[in-house]
Amino acid sequence: MEIAVTVTPEAEQALSQLSADRKAEYVRVSAAQSCGCGNVGYRMFWDDAKNEQDMALERGGLTLVIDRESQPHIEGCIIDYKSEDMREGFVITNPTATSGCGCGGH
C-alpha cells in the first residue's frame, strides 16, 4: 500500500539536488502535534534508520520514509519547495486540514 503524497516539480528538483550530496540513507517526513491547539506540524530530516512499519516513497533520487504514526497526517499532503525573499526550503501542507491555529503559538 502506498500513501498519497504529492511532490511538486520544484520539490522533486530540490530532492534531486540533495541526492547528490546526501547526508544519510533516507529523508524522514514526520508529523506531530506542534502546540497546544492540536494542529499538526511537519518536519523533514536526514535519517539512517528505516523501520518495517515505515512507508517508503522514491522521489528525486531519494527515499522518503514516513513512520506509522505520521502516515494518517501526511496522507494527502503536498510537499513543495519555495524560495522567497528571506526564506527557502521545503513546505508541507495538508489541503484537508479543517482549521488554522488559534493559539498564537505559530
N, C-alpha and C. Protein backbone atom coordinates (compact mmCIF):
# COMPACT_ATOMS: atom_id res chain seq x y z
N MET A 1 0.84 -1.18 0.00
CA MET A 1 0.00 0.00 0.00
C MET A 1 0.89 1.25 0.00
N GLU A 2 0.56 2.21 -0.84
CA GLU A 2 1.33 3.44 -0.91
C GLU A 2 0.49 4.60 -0.40
N ILE A 3 1.14 5.50 0.26
CA ILE A 3 0.48 6.69 0.80
C ILE A 3 0.37 7.73 -0.32
N ALA A 4 -0.73 8.48 -0.33
CA ALA A 4 -0.94 9.50 -1.34
C ALA A 4 -0.30 10.81 -0.88
N VAL A 5 0.82 11.15 -1.50
CA VAL A 5 1.54 12.39 -1.22
C VAL A 5 1.91 12.99 -2.57
N THR A 6 1.65 14.28 -2.73
CA THR A 6 2.03 14.97 -3.96
C THR A 6 3.36 15.68 -3.72
N VAL A 7 4.31 15.44 -4.60
CA VAL A 7 5.60 16.14 -4.55
C VAL A 7 5.64 17.02 -5.79
N THR A 8 5.67 18.33 -5.59
CA THR A 8 5.66 19.26 -6.72
C THR A 8 6.96 19.15 -7.52
N PRO A 9 6.94 19.60 -8.77
CA PRO A 9 8.17 19.58 -9.57
C PRO A 9 9.33 20.34 -8.89
N GLU A 10 9.02 21.44 -8.21
CA GLU A 10 10.05 22.21 -7.51
C GLU A 10 10.67 21.39 -6.37
N ALA A 11 9.84 20.68 -5.64
CA ALA A 11 10.34 19.84 -4.55
C ALA A 11 11.12 18.66 -5.10
N GLU A 12 10.64 18.09 -6.19
CA GLU A 12 11.34 16.97 -6.83
C GLU A 12 12.75 17.40 -7.27
N GLN A 13 12.85 18.59 -7.82
CA GLN A 13 14.15 19.11 -8.25
C GLN A 13 15.06 19.34 -7.05
N ALA A 14 14.52 19.90 -5.96
CA ALA A 14 15.33 20.13 -4.76
C ALA A 14 15.79 18.81 -4.16
N LEU A 15 14.92 17.80 -4.15
CA LEU A 15 15.31 16.47 -3.65
C LEU A 15 16.42 15.88 -4.51
N SER A 16 16.30 16.08 -5.81
CA SER A 16 17.31 15.58 -6.73
C SER A 16 18.67 16.22 -6.46
N GLN A 17 18.67 17.52 -6.17
CA GLN A 17 19.92 18.21 -5.84
C GLN A 17 20.49 17.70 -4.53
N LEU A 18 19.62 17.43 -3.56
CA LEU A 18 20.07 16.88 -2.27
C LEU A 18 20.66 15.49 -2.42
N SER A 19 20.14 14.72 -3.37
CA SER A 19 20.62 13.34 -3.53
C SER A 19 22.08 13.29 -3.94
N ALA A 20 22.55 14.36 -4.59
CA ALA A 20 23.96 14.42 -5.00
C ALA A 20 24.89 14.61 -3.80
N ASP A 21 24.36 15.13 -2.70
CA ASP A 21 25.16 15.40 -1.51
C ASP A 21 24.44 14.85 -0.27
N ARG A 22 23.99 13.60 -0.37
CA ARG A 22 23.17 13.04 0.71
C ARG A 22 23.96 12.91 2.01
N LYS A 23 23.26 13.19 3.09
CA LYS A 23 23.84 13.15 4.43
C LYS A 23 23.49 11.86 5.16
N ALA A 24 22.51 11.12 4.64
CA ALA A 24 22.07 9.86 5.26
C ALA A 24 21.37 9.04 4.18
N GLU A 25 20.97 7.85 4.56
CA GLU A 25 20.33 6.94 3.61
C GLU A 25 18.92 7.39 3.20
N TYR A 26 18.18 7.99 4.14
CA TYR A 26 16.78 8.34 3.90
C TYR A 26 16.49 9.79 4.28
N VAL A 27 15.36 10.28 3.79
CA VAL A 27 14.80 11.55 4.26
C VAL A 27 13.51 11.17 4.97
N ARG A 28 13.45 11.45 6.26
CA ARG A 28 12.26 11.13 7.04
C ARG A 28 11.31 12.31 7.01
N VAL A 29 10.04 12.02 6.73
CA VAL A 29 8.97 13.00 6.76
C VAL A 29 8.09 12.61 7.93
N SER A 30 7.92 13.53 8.88
CA SER A 30 7.13 13.19 10.06
C SER A 30 6.13 14.28 10.38
N ALA A 31 5.12 13.87 11.11
CA ALA A 31 4.07 14.80 11.54
C ALA A 31 3.85 14.58 13.02
N ALA A 32 3.68 15.67 13.74
CA ALA A 32 3.42 15.58 15.18
C ALA A 32 2.64 16.80 15.61
N GLN A 33 1.92 16.66 16.70
CA GLN A 33 1.20 17.81 17.26
C GLN A 33 2.25 18.85 17.63
N SER A 34 2.07 20.07 17.12
CA SER A 34 3.12 21.07 17.29
C SER A 34 2.86 22.05 18.42
N CYS A 35 1.63 22.10 18.92
CA CYS A 35 1.35 23.02 20.02
C CYS A 35 0.08 22.58 20.72
N GLY A 36 -0.33 23.35 21.70
CA GLY A 36 -1.50 23.00 22.49
C GLY A 36 -2.82 23.05 21.74
N CYS A 37 -2.85 23.67 20.56
CA CYS A 37 -4.10 23.79 19.81
C CYS A 37 -4.47 22.49 19.11
N GLY A 38 -3.53 21.56 19.04
CA GLY A 38 -3.82 20.29 18.40
C GLY A 38 -3.48 20.24 16.93
N ASN A 39 -3.02 21.36 16.35
CA ASN A 39 -2.62 21.34 14.94
C ASN A 39 -1.35 20.53 14.76
N VAL A 40 -1.18 20.01 13.58
CA VAL A 40 -0.05 19.15 13.26
C VAL A 40 1.04 19.97 12.58
N GLY A 41 2.27 19.73 13.00
CA GLY A 41 3.43 20.33 12.35
C GLY A 41 4.19 19.24 11.61
N TYR A 42 4.85 19.62 10.53
CA TYR A 42 5.56 18.66 9.69
C TYR A 42 7.05 18.94 9.70
N ARG A 43 7.85 17.88 9.58
CA ARG A 43 9.31 18.02 9.54
C ARG A 43 9.88 17.07 8.49
N MET A 44 11.01 17.47 7.95
CA MET A 44 11.79 16.60 7.07
C MET A 44 13.23 16.65 7.57
N PHE A 45 13.86 15.47 7.66
CA PHE A 45 15.25 15.43 8.12
C PHE A 45 15.93 14.15 7.63
N TRP A 46 17.26 14.19 7.59
CA TRP A 46 18.04 13.02 7.20
C TRP A 46 17.93 11.96 8.28
N ASP A 47 17.89 10.68 7.87
CA ASP A 47 17.79 9.58 8.82
C ASP A 47 18.44 8.34 8.21
N ASP A 48 19.23 7.64 8.99
CA ASP A 48 19.86 6.41 8.51
C ASP A 48 19.04 5.17 8.82
N ALA A 49 17.98 5.32 9.61
CA ALA A 49 17.20 4.16 10.03
C ALA A 49 15.85 4.12 9.32
N LYS A 50 15.43 2.91 8.98
CA LYS A 50 14.11 2.67 8.41
C LYS A 50 13.52 1.48 9.14
N ASN A 51 12.30 1.65 9.65
CA ASN A 51 11.63 0.58 10.37
C ASN A 51 10.72 -0.21 9.42
N GLU A 52 10.36 -1.42 9.82
CA GLU A 52 9.48 -2.25 8.99
C GLU A 52 8.14 -1.60 8.73
N GLN A 53 7.65 -0.81 9.68
CA GLN A 53 6.33 -0.19 9.54
C GLN A 53 6.37 1.15 8.81
N ASP A 54 7.57 1.61 8.44
CA ASP A 54 7.68 2.86 7.69
C ASP A 54 7.18 2.67 6.26
N MET A 55 6.50 3.68 5.75
CA MET A 55 6.11 3.72 4.35
C MET A 55 7.25 4.41 3.61
N ALA A 56 7.61 3.91 2.44
CA ALA A 56 8.72 4.48 1.68
C ALA A 56 8.23 4.96 0.31
N LEU A 57 8.70 6.13 -0.10
CA LEU A 57 8.40 6.71 -1.40
C LEU A 57 9.70 7.11 -2.07
N GLU A 58 9.86 6.78 -3.32
CA GLU A 58 11.04 7.20 -4.07
C GLU A 58 10.71 8.49 -4.81
N ARG A 59 11.46 9.55 -4.51
CA ARG A 59 11.24 10.84 -5.18
C ARG A 59 12.59 11.55 -5.34
N GLY A 60 12.84 12.02 -6.54
CA GLY A 60 14.04 12.82 -6.79
C GLY A 60 15.34 12.10 -6.49
N GLY A 61 15.35 10.78 -6.62
CA GLY A 61 16.56 10.01 -6.35
C GLY A 61 16.78 9.71 -4.87
N LEU A 62 15.83 10.08 -4.03
CA LEU A 62 15.93 9.82 -2.60
C LEU A 62 14.74 8.98 -2.14
N THR A 63 14.92 8.30 -1.02
CA THR A 63 13.83 7.55 -0.42
C THR A 63 13.29 8.34 0.75
N LEU A 64 12.02 8.74 0.64
CA LEU A 64 11.33 9.41 1.73
C LEU A 64 10.67 8.33 2.57
N VAL A 65 10.88 8.37 3.89
CA VAL A 65 10.24 7.40 4.78
C VAL A 65 9.31 8.13 5.74
N ILE A 66 8.17 7.48 6.00
CA ILE A 66 7.14 8.07 6.87
C ILE A 66 6.76 7.02 7.90
N ASP A 67 6.92 7.38 9.18
CA ASP A 67 6.61 6.42 10.25
C ASP A 67 5.09 6.20 10.35
N ARG A 68 4.72 5.10 10.97
CA ARG A 68 3.32 4.70 11.05
C ARG A 68 2.43 5.74 11.73
N GLU A 69 2.94 6.39 12.78
CA GLU A 69 2.15 7.39 13.49
C GLU A 69 1.89 8.63 12.65
N SER A 70 2.82 8.96 11.77
CA SER A 70 2.69 10.16 10.92
C SER A 70 1.84 9.92 9.68
N GLN A 71 1.73 8.67 9.25
CA GLN A 71 1.06 8.37 7.98
C GLN A 71 -0.35 8.97 7.85
N PRO A 72 -1.23 8.87 8.86
CA PRO A 72 -2.56 9.45 8.69
C PRO A 72 -2.54 10.98 8.51
N HIS A 73 -1.55 11.64 9.09
CA HIS A 73 -1.45 13.09 9.00
C HIS A 73 -0.80 13.55 7.69
N ILE A 74 -0.02 12.67 7.09
CA ILE A 74 0.68 13.03 5.86
C ILE A 74 -0.10 12.59 4.61
N GLU A 75 -1.02 11.66 4.79
CA GLU A 75 -1.87 11.23 3.67
C GLU A 75 -2.54 12.45 3.04
N GLY A 76 -2.37 12.63 1.74
CA GLY A 76 -2.98 13.74 1.01
C GLY A 76 -2.18 15.04 1.03
N CYS A 77 -1.04 15.05 1.72
CA CYS A 77 -0.23 16.28 1.81
C CYS A 77 0.47 16.61 0.49
N ILE A 78 0.86 17.85 0.40
CA ILE A 78 1.65 18.34 -0.73
C ILE A 78 3.00 18.77 -0.19
N ILE A 79 4.06 18.22 -0.77
CA ILE A 79 5.43 18.63 -0.42
C ILE A 79 5.90 19.54 -1.54
N ASP A 80 6.21 20.77 -1.18
CA ASP A 80 6.63 21.77 -2.16
C ASP A 80 7.97 22.33 -1.72
N TYR A 81 8.62 23.06 -2.61
CA TYR A 81 9.85 23.75 -2.29
C TYR A 81 9.68 25.19 -2.71
N LYS A 82 9.87 26.11 -1.76
CA LYS A 82 9.66 27.53 -2.03
C LYS A 82 10.96 28.29 -1.80
N SER A 83 11.19 29.26 -2.66
CA SER A 83 12.31 30.17 -2.50
C SER A 83 11.74 31.58 -2.58
N GLU A 84 11.60 32.20 -1.41
CA GLU A 84 11.01 33.53 -1.33
C GLU A 84 12.01 34.48 -0.68
N ASP A 85 11.66 35.73 -0.58
CA ASP A 85 12.56 36.79 -0.13
C ASP A 85 13.64 36.33 0.85
N MET A 86 13.26 36.04 2.07
CA MET A 86 14.26 35.67 3.08
C MET A 86 14.01 34.27 3.63
N ARG A 87 13.37 33.45 2.80
CA ARG A 87 13.00 32.12 3.27
C ARG A 87 13.09 31.14 2.11
N GLU A 88 13.73 30.00 2.36
CA GLU A 88 13.85 28.99 1.34
C GLU A 88 13.81 27.62 2.01
N GLY A 89 13.05 26.71 1.41
CA GLY A 89 13.02 25.36 1.94
C GLY A 89 11.75 24.61 1.57
N PHE A 90 11.66 23.39 2.09
CA PHE A 90 10.51 22.54 1.84
C PHE A 90 9.32 23.02 2.67
N VAL A 91 8.15 22.95 2.08
CA VAL A 91 6.92 23.33 2.74
C VAL A 91 5.94 22.17 2.57
N ILE A 92 5.41 21.68 3.68
CA ILE A 92 4.43 20.60 3.63
C ILE A 92 3.09 21.17 4.05
N THR A 93 2.09 21.01 3.19
CA THR A 93 0.75 21.48 3.50
C THR A 93 -0.24 20.33 3.35
N ASN A 94 -1.30 20.43 4.11
CA ASN A 94 -2.36 19.44 4.05
C ASN A 94 -3.65 20.15 3.64
N PRO A 95 -4.07 19.97 2.38
CA PRO A 95 -5.27 20.66 1.93
C PRO A 95 -6.55 20.17 2.61
N THR A 96 -6.49 19.07 3.34
CA THR A 96 -7.67 18.57 4.04
C THR A 96 -7.75 19.06 5.49
N ALA A 97 -6.76 19.86 5.91
CA ALA A 97 -6.80 20.39 7.29
C ALA A 97 -8.03 21.27 7.43
N THR A 98 -8.71 21.14 8.55
CA THR A 98 -10.00 21.81 8.71
C THR A 98 -9.91 23.24 9.21
N SER A 99 -8.89 23.58 10.00
CA SER A 99 -8.86 24.93 10.54
C SER A 99 -7.43 25.39 10.79
N GLY A 100 -7.27 26.68 10.95
CA GLY A 100 -5.98 27.26 11.28
C GLY A 100 -5.75 27.25 12.78
N CYS A 101 -4.62 27.72 13.17
CA CYS A 101 -4.26 27.72 14.58
C CYS A 101 -4.80 28.98 15.26
N GLY A 102 -5.42 28.82 16.41
CA GLY A 102 -5.93 29.95 17.14
C GLY A 102 -5.16 30.21 18.42
N CYS A 103 -4.12 29.41 18.69
CA CYS A 103 -3.42 29.56 19.97
C CYS A 103 -2.37 30.65 19.94
N GLY A 104 -1.98 31.11 18.75
CA GLY A 104 -0.97 32.16 18.64
C GLY A 104 0.45 31.66 18.81
N GLY A 105 0.63 30.36 18.88
CA GLY A 105 1.96 29.80 19.12
C GLY A 105 2.80 29.66 17.88
N HIS A 106 2.19 29.83 16.68
CA HIS A 106 2.96 29.72 15.43
C HIS A 106 2.28 30.39 14.30
